Each structure stands twice: as C-alpha cells, then as structure tokens.
Amino acid sequence: MTAQKKNNTATSPSGSKSILSTLAMPVVALALFWGSASHATTVQFQTVMGDFEVNLFDETTPETVANFLSYVADDAYNNSFIHRVMPGFVAQGGGFVWVDGGALDIPALAPVINEPVYSNLRGTIAMAKLGTDANSATSQWFFNLDDNSGNLDNQNGGFTVFGQVVGDGMDIVDAIAALQIISAQSAVFSDLPVRDYDGGVDIIEDNLAIVSSIQVLDAAVDTAADLSPVLNTSSPATPTPTPTPAPSNSSGGGGGGSAGLLFIALMSLFAFAPLRRKLLG
C-alpha cells in the first residue's frame, strides 16, 4: 500500500518516494443514484474506537461485495486490526487478526475480479491488491482518508471502491488515522497505528486499533438511496504506468501473503510472537 502526503508525496512500504503531478486529472462530478431495485447491504464496523456503518454497492460492484461479505460471514475479520495508516491517504485493514499475543494472516479466499466503477474519494472503502495484478484483491481493504482519485482511480486498472462510510462514521476512521504511528522491524507493520503505546519493546492487543467484528445490519434493497457515489472517469481498464506505488494486499507491501508467514516464522525462531519485538524509531 502507498501513502499520499498532504504535499502530494507518496511513500511505498520500502520508503521510496515519488512526486505526484499537481495537475492530476480532475474528477468529473457525475453522480449515480440508486434506483428502487438497487441492493445495498449495510454493515457495521465494531471497533475499539467506536462503531460506524458502511453502505456496500451490491448492484454495481457485485463480485467485490460478495467477496467481502464472504469474509464477514466466516467471521474472518473478528479481532482483526488496522495494520497500516498513512495520514491524509488511507487506513488499511483486513489482513491480520490478533490471536494469543501475536498477529496472524487472515486466510485468503480466491482473488476477486476488479470492478473499478467508482472514484476513490474520501469516505469510500476500496480493495487493496498486488501492484502487478489488477485482479488480485482478496481480504484486505482500505478507507480513503482524502480525495485519492488522481492517484488511485487509474493505477493498476483502478482500485475497486465497493462502499461508502455513512453518517458520522468518518469521525471514527479519522480518529484511528490520528493515532500514533510506529515502525516495527518489518515492512509488514511499517506504519502501524497504536493506542497508549509507551515506547516499550512489546505490542499488546490493547495497543492496537482492533476491529472486533463486522456485522450485517441491513441487507434490504435501497438502503443507499441517499448516497451519490461518483463514477470513476479515469478509464482504468487500460493499465498505465503507475505514478506511485499502489495500495497492496501483500503482507510485506511488495510480495504475496507468504511475506507475512515468513515474518511470523522468523520471529518464532527467536521465541517471540509477531510484533513482540524491539521497535524502530
């Protein structure tokens, strides 16, 4: 996953930087309202920072929503945590759960086809994926903290926005994004948001932005009638050279999920649980 700073600088997990053009393609204010036949599941993210609701765009991103709801139905996101925050850009989760004092990968289902219908504007939720494969999204998702359309709408075939935070929910997402960010001895958790962290050597569950559960509140039709998601007009179907590294669902930010498993295996050799180690900076 990448990070877009307020000065239009993006940072990759490895720390490489490139300057985004300040003349990014403007977003055309073309809104699509849901009709009476629309289906828009409402889910609630239950977190230690508070609960908030998200409307999912079932009708226009059906494969992505079905994929996400499969993880929800399996309780795969229970006791997961926001493992990466880049202020002013994105807050990413859906990759890891905290079990018995350590972080474990969420088992990935088959990748889902890319559905880049809507624009990556503030308040939307989108799927993370591998930087080399537009159709590689599995369990990981991210909330857009700002207007990222100029960066993410046309990268790697475009990033699939499949829902929108509703009500005052972004107040909670913003509170998570405002937490202290630490860098651990692995690219897996290079931008980890933590609560009440005293700078010691151990991370415990109480330090993490835990997502205790994601629950379906309303699967009825027309629950998103008052929303106006903006269409992605950046022609993302044709891959273009990426101006910045893209949000990634890889555990290490540059490879597959095996990076996270390797990290956990290495830590076990030293008799430490994942994340229970001396932190950098």
C-alpha atoms as a PDB file:
ATOM      1  CA  MET A   1       0.000   0.000   0.000  1.00  0.00           C
ATOM      2  CA  THR A   2       1.159   3.506  -0.592  1.00  0.00           C
ATOM      3  CA  ALA A   3       0.742   6.736   1.219  1.00  0.00           C
ATOM      4  CA  GLN A   4      -0.108  10.151  -0.152  1.00  0.00           C
ATOM      5  CA  LYS A   5       1.092  13.013   1.982  1.00  0.00           C
ATOM      6  CA  LYS A   6      -0.606  16.376   2.054  1.00  0.00           C
ATOM      7  CA  ASN A   7       2.203  17.682  -0.148  1.00  0.00           C
ATOM      8  CA  ASN A   8       1.258  15.134  -2.827  1.00  0.00           C
ATOM      9  CA  THR A   9       4.192  12.873  -1.959  1.00  0.00           C
ATOM     10  CA  ALA A  10       3.590   9.122  -1.940  1.00  0.00           C
ATOM     11  CA  THR A  11       5.622   6.675   0.112  1.00  0.00           C
ATOM     12  CA  SER A  12       5.960   2.960  -0.555  1.00  0.00           C
ATOM     13  CA  PRO A  13       6.474   0.343   2.194  1.00  0.00           C
ATOM     14  CA  SER A  14      10.172   0.367   1.406  1.00  0.00           C
ATOM     15  CA  GLY A  15      10.331   4.131   1.845  1.00  0.00           C
ATOM     16  CA  SER A  16      10.807   5.085  -1.825  1.00  0.00           C
ATOM     17  CA  LYS A  17       9.138   8.347  -2.814  1.00  0.00           C
ATOM     18  CA  SER A  18       7.907   9.986  -5.975  1.00  0.00           C
ATOM     19  CA  ILE A  19       6.158  13.305  -6.534  1.00  0.00           C
ATOM     20  CA  LEU A  20       2.619  13.136  -7.866  1.00  0.00           C
ATOM     21  CA  SER A  21       1.669  15.574 -10.537  1.00  0.00           C
ATOM     22  CA  THR A  22      -0.234  18.527  -9.201  1.00  0.00           C
ATOM     23  CA  LEU A  23      -2.122  18.511 -12.484  1.00  0.00           C
ATOM     24  CA  ALA A  24      -3.888  15.212 -11.796  1.00  0.00           C
ATOM     25  CA  MET A  25      -6.981  14.566 -13.889  1.00  0.00           C
ATOM     26  CA  PRO A  26      -9.951  16.325 -12.284  1.00  0.00           C
ATOM     27  CA  VAL A  27     -12.837  14.215 -11.104  1.00  0.00           C
ATOM     28  CA  VAL A  28     -15.969  14.814 -13.112  1.00  0.00           C
ATOM     29  CA  ALA A  29     -18.878  15.379 -10.763  1.00  0.00           C
ATOM     30  CA  LEU A  30     -21.024  12.680 -12.302  1.00  0.00           C
ATOM     31  CA  ALA A  31     -23.202  11.093  -9.618  1.00  0.00           C
ATOM     32  CA  LEU A  32     -25.094   7.831  -9.838  1.00  0.00           C
ATOM     33  CA  PHE A  33     -28.102   7.465  -7.540  1.00  0.00           C
ATOM     34  CA  TRP A  34     -29.510   4.071  -6.603  1.00  0.00           C
ATOM     35  CA  GLY A  35     -32.899   3.101  -8.017  1.00  0.00           C
ATOM     36  CA  SER A  36     -35.642   1.259  -6.228  1.00  0.00           C
ATOM     37  CA  ALA A  37     -34.303  -2.076  -7.492  1.00  0.00           C
ATOM     38  CA  SER A  38     -30.845  -1.435  -6.061  1.00  0.00           C
ATOM     39  CA  HIS A  39     -29.399  -3.652  -3.377  1.00  0.00           C
ATOM     40  CA  ALA A  40     -27.080  -2.049  -0.862  1.00  0.00           C
ATOM     41  CA  THR A  41     -26.113  -4.057   2.184  1.00  0.00           C
ATOM     42  CA  THR A  42     -25.368  -2.028   5.296  1.00  0.00           C
ATOM     43  CA  VAL A  43     -22.602  -3.318   7.558  1.00  0.00           C
ATOM     44  CA  GLN A  44     -21.328  -2.076  10.893  1.00  0.00           C
ATOM     45  CA  PHE A  45     -17.640  -1.974  11.757  1.00  0.00           C
ATOM     46  CA  GLN A  46     -17.342  -2.546  15.505  1.00  0.00           C
ATOM     47  CA  THR A  47     -14.008  -1.190  16.715  1.00  0.00           C
ATOM     48  CA  VAL A  48     -12.311  -0.210  19.958  1.00  0.00           C
ATOM     49  CA  MET A  49     -12.548   3.395  18.776  1.00  0.00           C
ATOM     50  CA  GLY A  50     -16.313   3.200  18.202  1.00  0.00           C
ATOM     51  CA  ASP A  51     -18.781   1.693  15.747  1.00  0.00           C
ATOM     52  CA  PHE A  52     -19.635   3.035  12.309  1.00  0.00           C
ATOM     53  CA  GLU A  53     -21.683   1.969   9.313  1.00  0.00           C
ATOM     54  CA  VAL A  54     -20.787   1.394   5.683  1.00  0.00           C
ATOM     55  CA  ASN A  55     -23.181   1.016   2.753  1.00  0.00           C
ATOM     56  CA  LEU A  56     -21.975  -1.514   0.196  1.00  0.00           C
ATOM     57  CA  PHE A  57     -22.587  -1.089  -3.523  1.00  0.00           C
ATOM     58  CA  ASP A  58     -24.010  -4.547  -4.224  1.00  0.00           C
ATOM     59  CA  GLU A  59     -25.523  -3.775  -7.605  1.00  0.00           C
ATOM     60  CA  THR A  60     -22.571  -2.121  -9.325  1.00  0.00           C
ATOM     61  CA  THR A  61     -19.684  -3.979  -7.656  1.00  0.00           C
ATOM     62  CA  PRO A  62     -21.384  -7.337  -7.040  1.00  0.00           C
ATOM     63  CA  GLU A  63     -18.325  -9.596  -7.132  1.00  0.00           C
ATOM     64  CA  THR A  64     -16.378  -7.410  -4.717  1.00  0.00           C
ATOM     65  CA  VAL A  65     -19.254  -7.079  -2.271  1.00  0.00           C
ATOM     66  CA  ALA A  66     -19.904 -10.831  -2.384  1.00  0.00           C
ATOM     67  CA  ASN A  67     -16.211 -11.434  -1.710  1.00  0.00           C
ATOM     68  CA  PHE A  68     -16.179  -9.033   1.255  1.00  0.00           C
ATOM     69  CA  LEU A  69     -19.380 -10.498   2.709  1.00  0.00           C
ATOM     70  CA  SER A  70     -17.896 -13.994   2.451  1.00  0.00           C
ATOM     71  CA  TYR A  71     -15.171 -12.956   4.888  1.00  0.00           C
ATOM     72  CA  VAL A  72     -17.795 -11.266   7.084  1.00  0.00           C
ATOM     73  CA  ALA A  73     -19.969 -14.404   7.120  1.00  0.00           C
ATOM     74  CA  ASP A  74     -16.948 -16.500   8.095  1.00  0.00           C
ATOM     75  CA  ASP A  75     -16.127 -14.088  10.966  1.00  0.00           C
ATOM     76  CA  ALA A  76     -12.703 -13.737   9.336  1.00  0.00           C
ATOM     77  CA  TYR A  77     -12.439 -10.082  10.390  1.00  0.00           C
ATOM     78  CA  ASN A  78     -13.203 -10.752  14.057  1.00  0.00           C
ATOM     79  CA  ASN A  79     -10.383  -9.361  16.205  1.00  0.00           C
ATOM     80  CA  SER A  80      -8.547  -8.062  13.161  1.00  0.00           C
ATOM     81  CA  PHE A  81      -6.831  -4.687  13.302  1.00  0.00           C
ATOM     82  CA  ILE A  82      -5.975  -1.661  11.210  1.00  0.00           C
ATOM     83  CA  HIS A  83      -2.401  -2.534  10.353  1.00  0.00           C
ATOM     84  CA  ARG A  84      -1.461   0.457   8.251  1.00  0.00           C
ATOM     85  CA  VAL A  85      -2.300   4.160   8.353  1.00  0.00           C
ATOM     86  CA  MET A  86      -0.875   6.837   6.123  1.00  0.00           C
ATOM     87  CA  PRO A  87      -2.406  10.133   7.346  1.00  0.00           C
ATOM     88  CA  GLY A  88      -4.118  12.055   4.578  1.00  0.00           C
ATOM     89  CA  PHE A  89      -4.192   8.990   2.361  1.00  0.00           C
ATOM     90  CA  VAL A  90      -5.562   5.653   3.581  1.00  0.00           C
ATOM     91  CA  ALA A  91      -6.235   3.422   6.594  1.00  0.00           C
ATOM     92  CA  GLN A  92      -5.858  -0.253   5.731  1.00  0.00           C
ATOM     93  CA  GLY A  93      -7.124  -3.400   7.422  1.00  0.00           C
ATOM     94  CA  GLY A  94      -8.488  -6.839   6.702  1.00  0.00           C
ATOM     95  CA  GLY A  95      -5.103  -8.530   6.574  1.00  0.00           C
ATOM     96  CA  PHE A  96      -4.352  -9.765  10.086  1.00  0.00           C
ATOM     97  CA  VAL A  97      -6.010 -10.953  13.270  1.00  0.00           C
ATOM     98  CA  TRP A  98      -4.546 -10.789  16.762  1.00  0.00           C
ATOM     99  CA  VAL A  99      -4.523 -14.255  18.369  1.00  0.00           C
ATOM    100  CA  ASP A 100      -2.759 -15.385  21.547  1.00  0.00           C
ATOM    101  CA  GLY A 101      -0.471 -12.379  21.674  1.00  0.00           C
ATOM    102  CA  GLY A 102       0.545 -12.319  18.018  1.00  0.00           C
ATOM    103  CA  ALA A 103      -0.548 -11.346  14.521  1.00  0.00           C
ATOM    104  CA  LEU A 104      -1.663 -13.994  12.037  1.00  0.00           C
ATOM    105  CA  ASP A 105      -2.635 -13.616   8.390  1.00  0.00           C
ATOM    106  CA  ILE A 106      -6.334 -13.820   7.570  1.00  0.00           C
ATOM    107  CA  PRO A 107      -6.613 -16.853   5.235  1.00  0.00           C
ATOM    108  CA  ALA A 108      -7.264 -15.535   1.748  1.00  0.00           C
ATOM    109  CA  LEU A 109     -10.060 -16.740  -0.492  1.00  0.00           C
ATOM    110  CA  ALA A 110      -9.679 -16.794  -4.270  1.00  0.00           C
ATOM    111  CA  PRO A 111      -8.892 -13.338  -5.712  1.00  0.00           C
ATOM    112  CA  VAL A 112     -11.838 -11.305  -6.943  1.00  0.00           C
ATOM    113  CA  ILE A 113     -12.187  -9.617 -10.321  1.00  0.00           C
ATOM    114  CA  ASN A 114     -11.527  -5.867 -10.366  1.00  0.00           C
ATOM    115  CA  GLU A 115     -14.624  -3.627 -10.578  1.00  0.00           C
ATOM    116  CA  PRO A 116     -13.351  -0.017 -10.776  1.00  0.00           C
ATOM    117  CA  VAL A 117     -16.757   1.652 -11.163  1.00  0.00           C
ATOM    118  CA  TYR A 118     -16.469   4.402  -8.558  1.00  0.00           C
ATOM    119  CA  SER A 119     -13.883   7.005  -7.684  1.00  0.00           C
ATOM    120  CA  ASN A 120     -11.545   6.783  -4.672  1.00  0.00           C
ATOM    121  CA  LEU A 121     -12.921   9.793  -2.821  1.00  0.00           C
ATOM    122  CA  ARG A 122     -12.795  10.499   0.901  1.00  0.00           C
ATOM    123  CA  GLY A 123     -15.106   8.248   2.874  1.00  0.00           C
ATOM    124  CA  THR A 124     -15.115   5.333   0.469  1.00  0.00           C
ATOM    125  CA  ILE A 125     -13.833   1.826   1.142  1.00  0.00           C
ATOM    126  CA  ALA A 126     -11.844   0.024  -1.557  1.00  0.00           C
ATOM    127  CA  MET A 127      -9.941  -3.210  -2.038  1.00  0.00           C
ATOM    128  CA  ALA A 128      -6.162  -3.464  -1.735  1.00  0.00           C
ATOM    129  CA  LYS A 129      -4.351  -5.679  -4.249  1.00  0.00           C
ATOM    130  CA  LEU A 130      -0.965  -6.641  -5.593  1.00  0.00           C
ATOM    131  CA  GLY A 131       0.791  -3.949  -7.589  1.00  0.00           C
ATOM    132  CA  THR A 132       1.277  -6.217 -10.583  1.00  0.00           C
ATOM    133  CA  ASP A 133      -2.207  -7.711 -10.889  1.00  0.00           C
ATOM    134  CA  ALA A 134      -5.449  -5.754 -11.187  1.00  0.00           C
ATOM    135  CA  ASN A 135      -7.496  -8.829 -10.278  1.00  0.00           C
ATOM    136  CA  SER A 136      -5.641  -9.855  -7.114  1.00  0.00           C
ATOM    137  CA  ALA A 137      -7.789  -8.424  -4.284  1.00  0.00           C
ATOM    138  CA  THR A 138      -8.573 -10.892  -1.500  1.00  0.00           C
ATOM    139  CA  SER A 139      -9.302  -9.905   2.123  1.00  0.00           C
ATOM    140  CA  GLN A 140      -7.626  -6.521   2.562  1.00  0.00           C
ATOM    141  CA  TRP A 141      -9.451  -3.228   2.214  1.00  0.00           C
ATOM    142  CA  PHE A 142      -8.710   0.426   2.898  1.00  0.00           C
ATOM    143  CA  PHE A 143     -10.610   3.590   3.705  1.00  0.00           C
ATOM    144  CA  ASN A 144      -9.800   6.643   1.623  1.00  0.00           C
ATOM    145  CA  LEU A 145      -8.989   9.437   4.064  1.00  0.00           C
ATOM    146  CA  ASP A 146      -8.880  12.081   1.329  1.00  0.00           C
ATOM    147  CA  ASP A 147      -9.638  12.532  -2.360  1.00  0.00           C
ATOM    148  CA  ASN A 148      -7.288   9.934  -3.874  1.00  0.00           C
ATOM    149  CA  SER A 149      -8.922   9.857  -7.294  1.00  0.00           C
ATOM    150  CA  GLY A 150      -5.942  11.394  -9.095  1.00  0.00           C
ATOM    151  CA  ASN A 151      -3.690   8.685  -7.681  1.00  0.00           C
ATOM    152  CA  LEU A 152      -5.760   5.511  -7.392  1.00  0.00           C
ATOM    153  CA  ASP A 153      -8.508   5.670  -9.999  1.00  0.00           C
ATOM    154  CA  ASN A 154      -6.222   4.693 -12.867  1.00  0.00           C
ATOM    155  CA  GLN A 155      -3.423   2.753 -11.175  1.00  0.00           C
ATOM    156  CA  ASN A 156      -3.181  -0.961 -11.870  1.00  0.00           C
ATOM    157  CA  GLY A 157      -6.552  -0.972 -13.619  1.00  0.00           C
ATOM    158  CA  GLY A 158      -8.109   1.228 -10.931  1.00  0.00           C
ATOM    159  CA  PHE A 159      -8.937   0.368  -7.315  1.00  0.00           C
ATOM    160  CA  THR A 160     -12.392  -1.042  -6.645  1.00  0.00           C
ATOM    161  CA  VAL A 161     -14.482   1.197  -4.409  1.00  0.00           C
ATOM    162  CA  PHE A 162     -17.271  -1.029  -3.090  1.00  0.00           C
ATOM    163  CA  GLY A 163     -18.857   1.019  -0.314  1.00  0.00           C
ATOM    164  CA  GLN A 164     -19.126   4.325   1.492  1.00  0.00           C
ATOM    165  CA  VAL A 165     -18.962   5.308   5.156  1.00  0.00           C
ATOM    166  CA  VAL A 166     -22.241   6.889   6.217  1.00  0.00           C
ATOM    167  CA  GLY A 167     -23.399   9.215   8.985  1.00  0.00           C
ATOM    168  CA  ASP A 168     -20.648  10.385  11.311  1.00  0.00           C
ATOM    169  CA  GLY A 169     -18.586   7.273  10.679  1.00  0.00           C
ATOM    170  CA  MET A 170     -15.605   9.123   9.250  1.00  0.00           C
ATOM    171  CA  ASP A 171     -15.108  10.777  12.640  1.00  0.00           C
ATOM    172  CA  ILE A 172     -14.121   7.340  13.952  1.00  0.00           C
ATOM    173  CA  VAL A 173     -11.994   6.494  10.917  1.00  0.00           C
ATOM    174  CA  ASP A 174     -10.241   9.850  11.284  1.00  0.00           C
ATOM    175  CA  ALA A 175      -9.642   9.151  14.979  1.00  0.00           C
ATOM    176  CA  ILE A 176      -7.932   5.883  14.049  1.00  0.00           C
ATOM    177  CA  ALA A 177      -5.874   7.715  11.430  1.00  0.00           C
ATOM    178  CA  ALA A 178      -4.817  10.256  14.073  1.00  0.00           C
ATOM    179  CA  LEU A 179      -3.278   7.612  16.354  1.00  0.00           C
ATOM    180  CA  GLN A 180       0.456   7.388  16.945  1.00  0.00           C
ATOM    181  CA  ILE A 181       2.172   5.572  14.064  1.00  0.00           C
ATOM    182  CA  ILE A 182       5.136   3.317  14.753  1.00  0.00           C
ATOM    183  CA  SER A 183       7.520   1.383  12.540  1.00  0.00           C
ATOM    184  CA  ALA A 184       8.337  -2.187  13.525  1.00  0.00           C
ATOM    185  CA  GLN A 185      11.254  -4.342  12.409  1.00  0.00           C
ATOM    186  CA  SER A 186       9.413  -5.483   9.322  1.00  0.00           C
ATOM    187  CA  ALA A 187       7.792  -3.914   6.275  1.00  0.00           C
ATOM    188  CA  VAL A 188       4.667  -5.832   7.280  1.00  0.00           C
ATOM    189  CA  PHE A 189       3.897  -3.297  10.009  1.00  0.00           C
ATOM    190  CA  SER A 190       5.870  -0.283   8.899  1.00  0.00           C
ATOM    191  CA  ASP A 191       3.027   2.173   9.568  1.00  0.00           C
ATOM    192  CA  LEU A 192       1.154   0.628  12.478  1.00  0.00           C
ATOM    193  CA  PRO A 193      -1.350   2.803  14.381  1.00  0.00           C
ATOM    194  CA  VAL A 194      -1.173   2.244  18.138  1.00  0.00           C
ATOM    195  CA  ARG A 195      -3.077   3.424  21.213  1.00  0.00           C
ATOM    196  CA  ASP A 196      -1.487   4.289  24.540  1.00  0.00           C
ATOM    197  CA  TYR A 197       1.895   2.973  23.453  1.00  0.00           C
ATOM    198  CA  ASP A 198       4.698   3.849  25.868  1.00  0.00           C
ATOM    199  CA  GLY A 199       7.627   3.093  23.574  1.00  0.00           C
ATOM    200  CA  GLY A 200       8.469  -0.237  25.171  1.00  0.00           C
ATOM    201  CA  VAL A 201       9.502  -3.381  23.377  1.00  0.00           C
ATOM    202  CA  ASP A 202       6.144  -5.163  23.346  1.00  0.00           C
ATOM    203  CA  ILE A 203       2.919  -4.507  21.492  1.00  0.00           C
ATOM    204  CA  ILE A 204      -0.204  -5.937  23.110  1.00  0.00           C
ATOM    205  CA  GLU A 205      -3.793  -6.140  21.938  1.00  0.00           C
ATOM    206  CA  ASP A 206      -4.736  -3.053  23.948  1.00  0.00           C
ATOM    207  CA  ASN A 207      -2.348  -1.006  21.797  1.00  0.00           C
ATOM    208  CA  LEU A 208      -3.991  -1.929  18.505  1.00  0.00           C
ATOM    209  CA  ALA A 209      -6.893  -0.411  16.568  1.00  0.00           C
ATOM    210  CA  ILE A 210      -8.890  -3.619  16.856  1.00  0.00           C
ATOM    211  CA  VAL A 211     -11.886  -4.366  14.646  1.00  0.00           C
ATOM    212  CA  SER A 212     -13.756  -6.727  16.936  1.00  0.00           C
ATOM    213  CA  SER A 213     -16.371  -7.600  14.335  1.00  0.00           C
ATOM    214  CA  ILE A 214     -18.106  -6.561  11.128  1.00  0.00           C
ATOM    215  CA  GLN A 215     -21.842  -7.213  11.206  1.00  0.00           C
ATOM    216  CA  VAL A 216     -24.538  -7.025   8.532  1.00  0.00           C
ATOM    217  CA  LEU A 217     -27.198  -4.618   9.786  1.00  0.00           C
ATOM    218  CA  ASP A 218     -29.496  -4.382   6.785  1.00  0.00           C
ATOM    219  CA  ALA A 219     -29.490  -6.441   3.613  1.00  0.00           C
ATOM    220  CA  ALA A 220     -32.684  -4.834   2.281  1.00  0.00           C
ATOM    221  CA  VAL A 221     -32.908  -3.074  -1.063  1.00  0.00           C
ATOM    222  CA  ASP A 222     -32.475   0.671  -1.447  1.00  0.00           C
ATOM    223  CA  THR A 223     -30.515   1.287   1.754  1.00  0.00           C
ATOM    224  CA  ALA A 224     -28.161   3.609  -0.140  1.00  0.00           C
ATOM    225  CA  ALA A 225     -30.780   5.719  -1.883  1.00  0.00           C
ATOM    226  CA  ASP A 226     -29.434   8.916  -0.317  1.00  0.00           C
ATOM    227  CA  LEU A 227     -25.839   8.312  -1.401  1.00  0.00           C
ATOM    228  CA  SER A 228     -24.293   9.704  -4.565  1.00  0.00           C
ATOM    229  CA  PRO A 229     -21.109   7.726  -5.328  1.00  0.00           C
ATOM    230  CA  VAL A 230     -19.031   9.411  -8.005  1.00  0.00           C
ATOM    231  CA  LEU A 231     -18.132   7.417 -11.083  1.00  0.00           C
ATOM    232  CA  ASN A 232     -14.513   6.681 -11.913  1.00  0.00           C
ATOM    233  CA  THR A 233     -13.939   8.534 -15.185  1.00  0.00           C
ATOM    234  CA  SER A 234     -10.212   7.809 -15.490  1.00  0.00           C
ATOM    235  CA  SER A 235     -10.522   4.926 -17.982  1.00  0.00           C
ATOM    236  CA  PRO A 236      -8.894   2.465 -15.565  1.00  0.00           C
ATOM    237  CA  ALA A 237      -9.468  -0.560 -17.778  1.00  0.00           C
ATOM    238  CA  THR A 238      -6.282   0.275 -19.692  1.00  0.00           C
ATOM    239  CA  PRO A 239      -3.247  -0.163 -17.404  1.00  0.00           C
ATOM    240  CA  THR A 240      -0.970   2.860 -17.369  1.00  0.00           C
ATOM    241  CA  PRO A 241       2.465   3.439 -15.840  1.00  0.00           C
ATOM    242  CA  THR A 242       1.836   3.897 -12.124  1.00  0.00           C
ATOM    243  CA  PRO A 243       2.731   7.370 -10.833  1.00  0.00           C
ATOM    244  CA  THR A 244       3.191   5.999  -7.322  1.00  0.00           C
ATOM    245  CA  PRO A 245       3.339   2.546  -5.748  1.00  0.00           C
ATOM    246  CA  ALA A 246      -0.199   1.277  -5.247  1.00  0.00           C
ATOM    247  CA  PRO A 247      -2.142   0.045  -2.206  1.00  0.00           C
ATOM    248  CA  SER A 248      -1.209  -3.588  -1.814  1.00  0.00           C
ATOM    249  CA  ASN A 249      -2.829  -6.564  -0.163  1.00  0.00           C
ATOM    250  CA  SER A 250       0.579  -8.194   0.283  1.00  0.00           C
ATOM    251  CA  SER A 251       1.698  -8.746   3.834  1.00  0.00           C
ATOM    252  CA  GLY A 252       5.046  -7.122   3.163  1.00  0.00           C
ATOM    253  CA  GLY A 253       3.923  -4.484   0.698  1.00  0.00           C
ATOM    254  CA  GLY A 254       5.826  -5.894  -2.265  1.00  0.00           C
ATOM    255  CA  GLY A 255       5.128  -9.605  -2.467  1.00  0.00           C
ATOM    256  CA  GLY A 256       2.385 -12.089  -1.691  1.00  0.00           C
ATOM    257  CA  GLY A 257       0.905 -13.194   1.588  1.00  0.00           C
ATOM    258  CA  SER A 258       3.875 -15.501   2.082  1.00  0.00           C
ATOM    259  CA  ALA A 259       5.864 -12.495   3.287  1.00  0.00           C
ATOM    260  CA  GLY A 260       3.750 -12.292   6.412  1.00  0.00           C
ATOM    261  CA  LEU A 261       4.058 -16.033   7.011  1.00  0.00           C
ATOM    262  CA  LEU A 262       7.830 -15.823   6.587  1.00  0.00           C
ATOM    263  CA  PHE A 263       7.963 -12.932   9.043  1.00  0.00           C
ATOM    264  CA  ILE A 264       5.991 -14.901  11.617  1.00  0.00           C
ATOM    265  CA  ALA A 265       8.197 -17.952  11.101  1.00  0.00           C
ATOM    266  CA  LEU A 266      11.365 -15.897  11.560  1.00  0.00           C
ATOM    267  CA  MET A 267      10.058 -14.338  14.737  1.00  0.00           C
ATOM    268  CA  SER A 268       9.163 -17.759  16.136  1.00  0.00           C
ATOM    269  CA  LEU A 269      12.776 -18.832  15.708  1.00  0.00           C
ATOM    270  CA  PHE A 270      13.702 -16.197  18.253  1.00  0.00           C
ATOM    271  CA  ALA A 271      10.864 -17.298  20.574  1.00  0.00           C
ATOM    272  CA  PHE A 272       8.927 -14.073  20.048  1.00  0.00           C
ATOM    273  CA  ALA A 273       5.311 -13.708  18.955  1.00  0.00           C
ATOM    274  CA  PRO A 274       4.734 -11.425  15.939  1.00  0.00           C
ATOM    275  CA  LEU A 275       5.047  -7.767  16.904  1.00  0.00           C
ATOM    276  CA  ARG A 276       6.559  -8.612  20.296  1.00  0.00           C
ATOM    277  CA  ARG A 277       9.937  -7.180  19.450  1.00  0.00           C
ATOM    278  CA  LYS A 278      12.031  -4.049  19.758  1.00  0.00           C
ATOM    279  CA  LEU A 279      10.598  -1.283  17.650  1.00  0.00           C
ATOM    280  CA  LEU A 280      12.450   1.094  15.421  1.00  0.00           C
ATOM    281  CA  GLY A 281      12.235   4.892  15.706  1.00  0.00           C
END
